[in-house]
């Protein structure tokens, strides 16, 4: 485990919340700010989008960052580099969910928009994005429930000398 403090903080948020069990609703999960920060930080640091994402400039050409690019040119976006943009701070290589909790709403929206690129964009955006986010919201909490359950069973077994 690379971030035991983040794990303990997430455990504390889950344990301190009144949630449906054993299956949490997506709405409940989205109401847990540290959980949301962990998900965004995980997607940022370990983006599921691998390698370069090539696109073809339309036939009429386009202007990108003030530079005209001729039609038919293949351009690429490096997802790994985008997720290490300076907007995320100086410690971009560090898994630090707290970066999402201490910023303005406008900066949060801008950072979240960049992380959302990990699912692609436009007509090439991942069709499973919504499902993936629901699953992330649920599994991180439900694994905690399983963790607590097995710890309780393990402790009861130890008390019984099993």
C-alpha atoms as a PDB file:
ATOM      1  CA  UNK A   1       0.000   0.000   0.000  1.00  0.00           C
ATOM      2  CA  UNK A   2       1.493   3.299  -1.074  1.00  0.00           C
ATOM      3  CA  UNK A   3      -0.769   5.659   0.905  1.00  0.00           C
ATOM      4  CA  UNK A   4      -1.724   4.198   4.293  1.00  0.00           C
ATOM      5  CA  UNK A   5      -2.815   7.616   5.590  1.00  0.00           C
ATOM      6  CA  UNK A   6      -5.222   8.068   2.665  1.00  0.00           C
ATOM      7  CA  UNK A   7      -6.551   4.548   3.270  1.00  0.00           C
ATOM      8  CA  UNK A   8      -7.140   5.257   6.971  1.00  0.00           C
ATOM      9  CA  UNK A   9      -8.852   8.555   6.152  1.00  0.00           C
ATOM     10  CA  UNK A  10     -11.134   6.806   3.650  1.00  0.00           C
ATOM     11  CA  UNK A  11     -11.893   4.050   6.186  1.00  0.00           C
ATOM     12  CA  UNK A  12     -12.800   6.686   8.782  1.00  0.00           C
ATOM     13  CA  UNK A  13     -15.120   8.508   6.352  1.00  0.00           C
ATOM     14  CA  UNK A  14     -16.909   5.273   5.436  1.00  0.00           C
ATOM     15  CA  UNK A  15     -17.117   4.033   9.021  1.00  0.00           C
ATOM     16  CA  UNK A  16     -18.411   7.411  10.219  1.00  0.00           C
ATOM     17  CA  UNK A  17     -21.201   7.589   7.640  1.00  0.00           C
ATOM     18  CA  UNK A  18     -24.703   6.163   7.776  1.00  0.00           C
ATOM     19  CA  UNK A  19     -24.899   4.165   4.568  1.00  0.00           C
ATOM     20  CA  UNK A  20     -26.986   1.361   3.116  1.00  0.00           C
ATOM     21  CA  UNK A  21     -25.360  -1.982   3.779  1.00  0.00           C
ATOM     22  CA  UNK A  22     -24.140  -4.200   2.351  1.00  0.00           C
ATOM     23  CA  UNK A  23     -24.897  -2.374  -0.927  1.00  0.00           C
ATOM     24  CA  UNK A  24     -24.356   1.384  -0.934  1.00  0.00           C
ATOM     25  CA  UNK A  25     -26.297   3.550  -3.368  1.00  0.00           C
ATOM     26  CA  UNK A  26     -24.434   5.652  -5.892  1.00  0.00           C
ATOM     27  CA  UNK A  27     -26.050   8.777  -4.450  1.00  0.00           C
ATOM     28  CA  UNK A  28     -24.725   7.937  -0.969  1.00  0.00           C
ATOM     29  CA  UNK A  29     -21.232   7.304  -2.342  1.00  0.00           C
ATOM     30  CA  UNK A  30     -21.202  10.592  -4.231  1.00  0.00           C
ATOM     31  CA  UNK A  31     -21.964  12.307  -0.913  1.00  0.00           C
ATOM     32  CA  UNK A  32     -18.649  11.124   0.561  1.00  0.00           C
ATOM     33  CA  UNK A  33     -16.144  13.868  -0.307  1.00  0.00           C
ATOM     34  CA  UNK A  34     -12.993  11.942   0.550  1.00  0.00           C
ATOM     35  CA  UNK A  35     -14.161   8.941  -1.466  1.00  0.00           C
ATOM     36  CA  UNK A  36     -14.719  11.212  -4.465  1.00  0.00           C
ATOM     37  CA  UNK A  37     -11.250  12.686  -3.974  1.00  0.00           C
ATOM     38  CA  UNK A  38      -9.719   9.187  -3.843  1.00  0.00           C
ATOM     39  CA  UNK A  39     -11.493   8.185  -7.071  1.00  0.00           C
ATOM     40  CA  UNK A  40     -10.443  11.330  -8.933  1.00  0.00           C
ATOM     41  CA  UNK A  41      -6.880  11.105  -7.659  1.00  0.00           C
ATOM     42  CA  UNK A  42      -6.679   7.438  -8.629  1.00  0.00           C
ATOM     43  CA  UNK A  43      -7.959   8.161 -12.137  1.00  0.00           C
ATOM     44  CA  UNK A  44      -5.518  11.056 -12.416  1.00  0.00           C
ATOM     45  CA  UNK A  45      -2.449   9.173 -11.277  1.00  0.00           C
ATOM     46  CA  UNK A  46      -3.274   5.844 -12.948  1.00  0.00           C
ATOM     47  CA  UNK A  47      -5.377   6.856 -15.928  1.00  0.00           C
ATOM     48  CA  UNK A  48      -7.027   3.923 -17.685  1.00  0.00           C
ATOM     49  CA  UNK A  49      -6.233   5.595 -20.993  1.00  0.00           C
ATOM     50  CA  UNK A  50      -2.953   4.101 -22.132  1.00  0.00           C
ATOM     51  CA  UNK A  51      -0.493   5.664 -24.525  1.00  0.00           C
ATOM     52  CA  UNK A  52      -1.267   8.319 -27.071  1.00  0.00           C
ATOM     53  CA  UNK A  53      -4.772   9.125 -28.236  1.00  0.00           C
ATOM     54  CA  UNK A  54      -4.560   9.894 -31.976  1.00  0.00           C
ATOM     55  CA  UNK A  55      -7.025  12.122 -33.799  1.00  0.00           C
ATOM     56  CA  UNK A  56      -7.123  13.345 -37.402  1.00  0.00           C
ATOM     57  CA  UNK A  57      -7.499  17.069 -38.013  1.00  0.00           C
ATOM     58  CA  UNK A  58     -10.631  17.796 -40.130  1.00  0.00           C
ATOM     59  CA  UNK A  59     -10.034  18.395 -43.877  1.00  0.00           C
ATOM     60  CA  UNK A  60     -10.405  22.172 -43.507  1.00  0.00           C
ATOM     61  CA  UNK A  61      -7.692  22.249 -40.839  1.00  0.00           C
ATOM     62  CA  UNK A  62      -7.969  23.632 -37.325  1.00  0.00           C
ATOM     63  CA  UNK A  63      -6.291  26.078 -34.980  1.00  0.00           C
ATOM     64  CA  UNK A  64      -4.826  24.446 -31.873  1.00  0.00           C
ATOM     65  CA  UNK A  65      -3.309  26.704 -29.219  1.00  0.00           C
ATOM     66  CA  UNK A  66      -3.100  29.521 -31.774  1.00  0.00           C
ATOM     67  CA  UNK A  67      -1.310  27.409 -34.392  1.00  0.00           C
ATOM     68  CA  UNK A  68      -2.926  26.378 -37.673  1.00  0.00           C
ATOM     69  CA  UNK A  69      -2.751  22.613 -38.228  1.00  0.00           C
ATOM     70  CA  UNK A  70      -3.455  21.406 -41.801  1.00  0.00           C
ATOM     71  CA  UNK A  71      -6.307  19.005 -42.490  1.00  0.00           C
ATOM     72  CA  UNK A  72      -5.486  15.318 -42.436  1.00  0.00           C
ATOM     73  CA  UNK A  73      -2.668  15.763 -39.903  1.00  0.00           C
ATOM     74  CA  UNK A  74      -2.620  13.119 -37.196  1.00  0.00           C
ATOM     75  CA  UNK A  75      -2.265  14.660 -33.757  1.00  0.00           C
ATOM     76  CA  UNK A  76      -2.041  12.883 -30.418  1.00  0.00           C
ATOM     77  CA  UNK A  77      -2.671  13.610 -26.791  1.00  0.00           C
ATOM     78  CA  UNK A  78      -0.521  12.049 -24.106  1.00  0.00           C
ATOM     79  CA  UNK A  79      -2.946  11.209 -21.269  1.00  0.00           C
ATOM     80  CA  UNK A  80      -0.139  10.549 -18.780  1.00  0.00           C
ATOM     81  CA  UNK A  81       1.304  14.041 -19.348  1.00  0.00           C
ATOM     82  CA  UNK A  82      -2.092  15.746 -19.154  1.00  0.00           C
ATOM     83  CA  UNK A  83      -2.774  14.158 -15.761  1.00  0.00           C
ATOM     84  CA  UNK A  84       0.474  15.664 -14.500  1.00  0.00           C
ATOM     85  CA  UNK A  85      -0.489  19.198 -15.503  1.00  0.00           C
ATOM     86  CA  UNK A  86       0.699  22.004 -13.245  1.00  0.00           C
ATOM     87  CA  UNK A  87      -2.905  22.694 -12.208  1.00  0.00           C
ATOM     88  CA  UNK A  88      -2.635  19.663  -9.907  1.00  0.00           C
ATOM     89  CA  UNK A  89       0.208  21.248  -7.942  1.00  0.00           C
ATOM     90  CA  UNK A  90       3.922  20.613  -7.598  1.00  0.00           C
ATOM     91  CA  UNK A  91       3.542  17.086  -6.214  1.00  0.00           C
ATOM     92  CA  UNK A  92       1.820  15.567  -9.263  1.00  0.00           C
ATOM     93  CA  UNK A  93       3.579  12.212  -8.793  1.00  0.00           C
ATOM     94  CA  UNK A  94       2.156  11.870  -5.287  1.00  0.00           C
ATOM     95  CA  UNK A  95      -1.188  10.180  -4.526  1.00  0.00           C
ATOM     96  CA  UNK A  96      -2.739  12.929  -2.424  1.00  0.00           C
ATOM     97  CA  UNK A  97      -6.565  13.005  -2.435  1.00  0.00           C
ATOM     98  CA  UNK A  98      -6.501  16.056  -0.166  1.00  0.00           C
ATOM     99  CA  UNK A  99      -5.583  18.185  -3.198  1.00  0.00           C
ATOM    100  CA  UNK A 100      -9.257  17.876  -4.218  1.00  0.00           C
ATOM    101  CA  UNK A 101     -10.655  19.013  -0.864  1.00  0.00           C
ATOM    102  CA  UNK A 102      -8.909  22.330  -0.283  1.00  0.00           C
ATOM    103  CA  UNK A 103      -9.579  24.167  -3.543  1.00  0.00           C
ATOM    104  CA  UNK A 104     -12.223  26.467  -4.967  1.00  0.00           C
ATOM    105  CA  UNK A 105     -15.224  25.057  -6.812  1.00  0.00           C
ATOM    106  CA  UNK A 106     -13.958  26.498 -10.108  1.00  0.00           C
ATOM    107  CA  UNK A 107     -10.516  24.890  -9.743  1.00  0.00           C
ATOM    108  CA  UNK A 108     -12.159  21.595  -8.720  1.00  0.00           C
ATOM    109  CA  UNK A 109     -14.314  21.704 -11.862  1.00  0.00           C
ATOM    110  CA  UNK A 110     -11.285  22.420 -14.055  1.00  0.00           C
ATOM    111  CA  UNK A 111      -9.245  19.598 -12.487  1.00  0.00           C
ATOM    112  CA  UNK A 112     -12.190  17.173 -12.715  1.00  0.00           C
ATOM    113  CA  UNK A 113     -12.666  18.102 -16.390  1.00  0.00           C
ATOM    114  CA  UNK A 114      -9.037  17.188 -17.071  1.00  0.00           C
ATOM    115  CA  UNK A 115      -9.349  13.879 -15.196  1.00  0.00           C
ATOM    116  CA  UNK A 116     -12.537  13.127 -17.128  1.00  0.00           C
ATOM    117  CA  UNK A 117     -10.347  13.041 -20.260  1.00  0.00           C
ATOM    118  CA  UNK A 118      -9.125   9.667 -18.984  1.00  0.00           C
ATOM    119  CA  UNK A 119     -12.371   8.353 -20.523  1.00  0.00           C
ATOM    120  CA  UNK A 120     -11.666  10.026 -23.856  1.00  0.00           C
ATOM    121  CA  UNK A 121     -13.720  12.853 -25.322  1.00  0.00           C
ATOM    122  CA  UNK A 122     -16.269  13.715 -27.954  1.00  0.00           C
ATOM    123  CA  UNK A 123     -17.620  10.895 -30.046  1.00  0.00           C
ATOM    124  CA  UNK A 124     -14.768   8.688 -28.847  1.00  0.00           C
ATOM    125  CA  UNK A 125     -15.674   9.021 -25.176  1.00  0.00           C
ATOM    126  CA  UNK A 126     -15.908   5.687 -23.372  1.00  0.00           C
ATOM    127  CA  UNK A 127     -19.490   4.422 -23.397  1.00  0.00           C
ATOM    128  CA  UNK A 128     -18.846   2.667 -20.093  1.00  0.00           C
ATOM    129  CA  UNK A 129     -17.786   5.848 -18.243  1.00  0.00           C
ATOM    130  CA  UNK A 130     -20.963   6.172 -16.180  1.00  0.00           C
ATOM    131  CA  UNK A 131     -20.957   2.486 -15.281  1.00  0.00           C
ATOM    132  CA  UNK A 132     -17.267   2.611 -14.360  1.00  0.00           C
ATOM    133  CA  UNK A 133     -17.828   5.566 -12.013  1.00  0.00           C
ATOM    134  CA  UNK A 134     -20.823   3.874 -10.360  1.00  0.00           C
ATOM    135  CA  UNK A 135     -18.729   0.741  -9.875  1.00  0.00           C
ATOM    136  CA  UNK A 136     -15.826   2.695  -8.387  1.00  0.00           C
ATOM    137  CA  UNK A 137     -18.197   4.499  -6.019  1.00  0.00           C
ATOM    138  CA  UNK A 138     -19.703   1.228  -4.856  1.00  0.00           C
ATOM    139  CA  UNK A 139     -16.752  -1.137  -4.775  1.00  0.00           C
ATOM    140  CA  UNK A 140     -14.479   1.037  -2.649  1.00  0.00           C
ATOM    141  CA  UNK A 141     -17.140   1.261   0.048  1.00  0.00           C
ATOM    142  CA  UNK A 142     -18.362  -2.320  -0.212  1.00  0.00           C
ATOM    143  CA  UNK A 143     -14.822  -3.678   0.014  1.00  0.00           C
ATOM    144  CA  UNK A 144     -14.578  -1.765   3.286  1.00  0.00           C
ATOM    145  CA  UNK A 145     -17.740  -3.515   4.495  1.00  0.00           C
ATOM    146  CA  UNK A 146     -16.198  -6.875   3.581  1.00  0.00           C
ATOM    147  CA  UNK A 147     -12.980  -5.854   5.330  1.00  0.00           C
ATOM    148  CA  UNK A 148     -14.905  -5.020   8.519  1.00  0.00           C
ATOM    149  CA  UNK A 149     -16.948  -8.228   8.278  1.00  0.00           C
ATOM    150  CA  UNK A 150     -13.906 -10.477   7.892  1.00  0.00           C
ATOM    151  CA  UNK A 151     -12.057  -8.685  10.666  1.00  0.00           C
ATOM    152  CA  UNK A 152     -15.045  -9.285  12.943  1.00  0.00           C
ATOM    153  CA  UNK A 153     -15.261 -12.972  11.944  1.00  0.00           C
ATOM    154  CA  UNK A 154     -11.495 -13.346  12.323  1.00  0.00           C
ATOM    155  CA  UNK A 155     -11.561 -11.772  15.786  1.00  0.00           C
ATOM    156  CA  UNK A 156     -14.515 -13.936  16.873  1.00  0.00           C
ATOM    157  CA  UNK A 157     -12.700 -17.038  15.586  1.00  0.00           C
ATOM    158  CA  UNK A 158      -9.590 -16.052  17.489  1.00  0.00           C
ATOM    159  CA  UNK A 159     -11.647 -15.593  20.665  1.00  0.00           C
ATOM    160  CA  UNK A 160     -13.052 -19.110  20.203  1.00  0.00           C
ATOM    161  CA  UNK A 161      -9.600 -20.583  19.695  1.00  0.00           C
ATOM    162  CA  UNK A 162     -10.385 -21.645  16.119  1.00  0.00           C
END
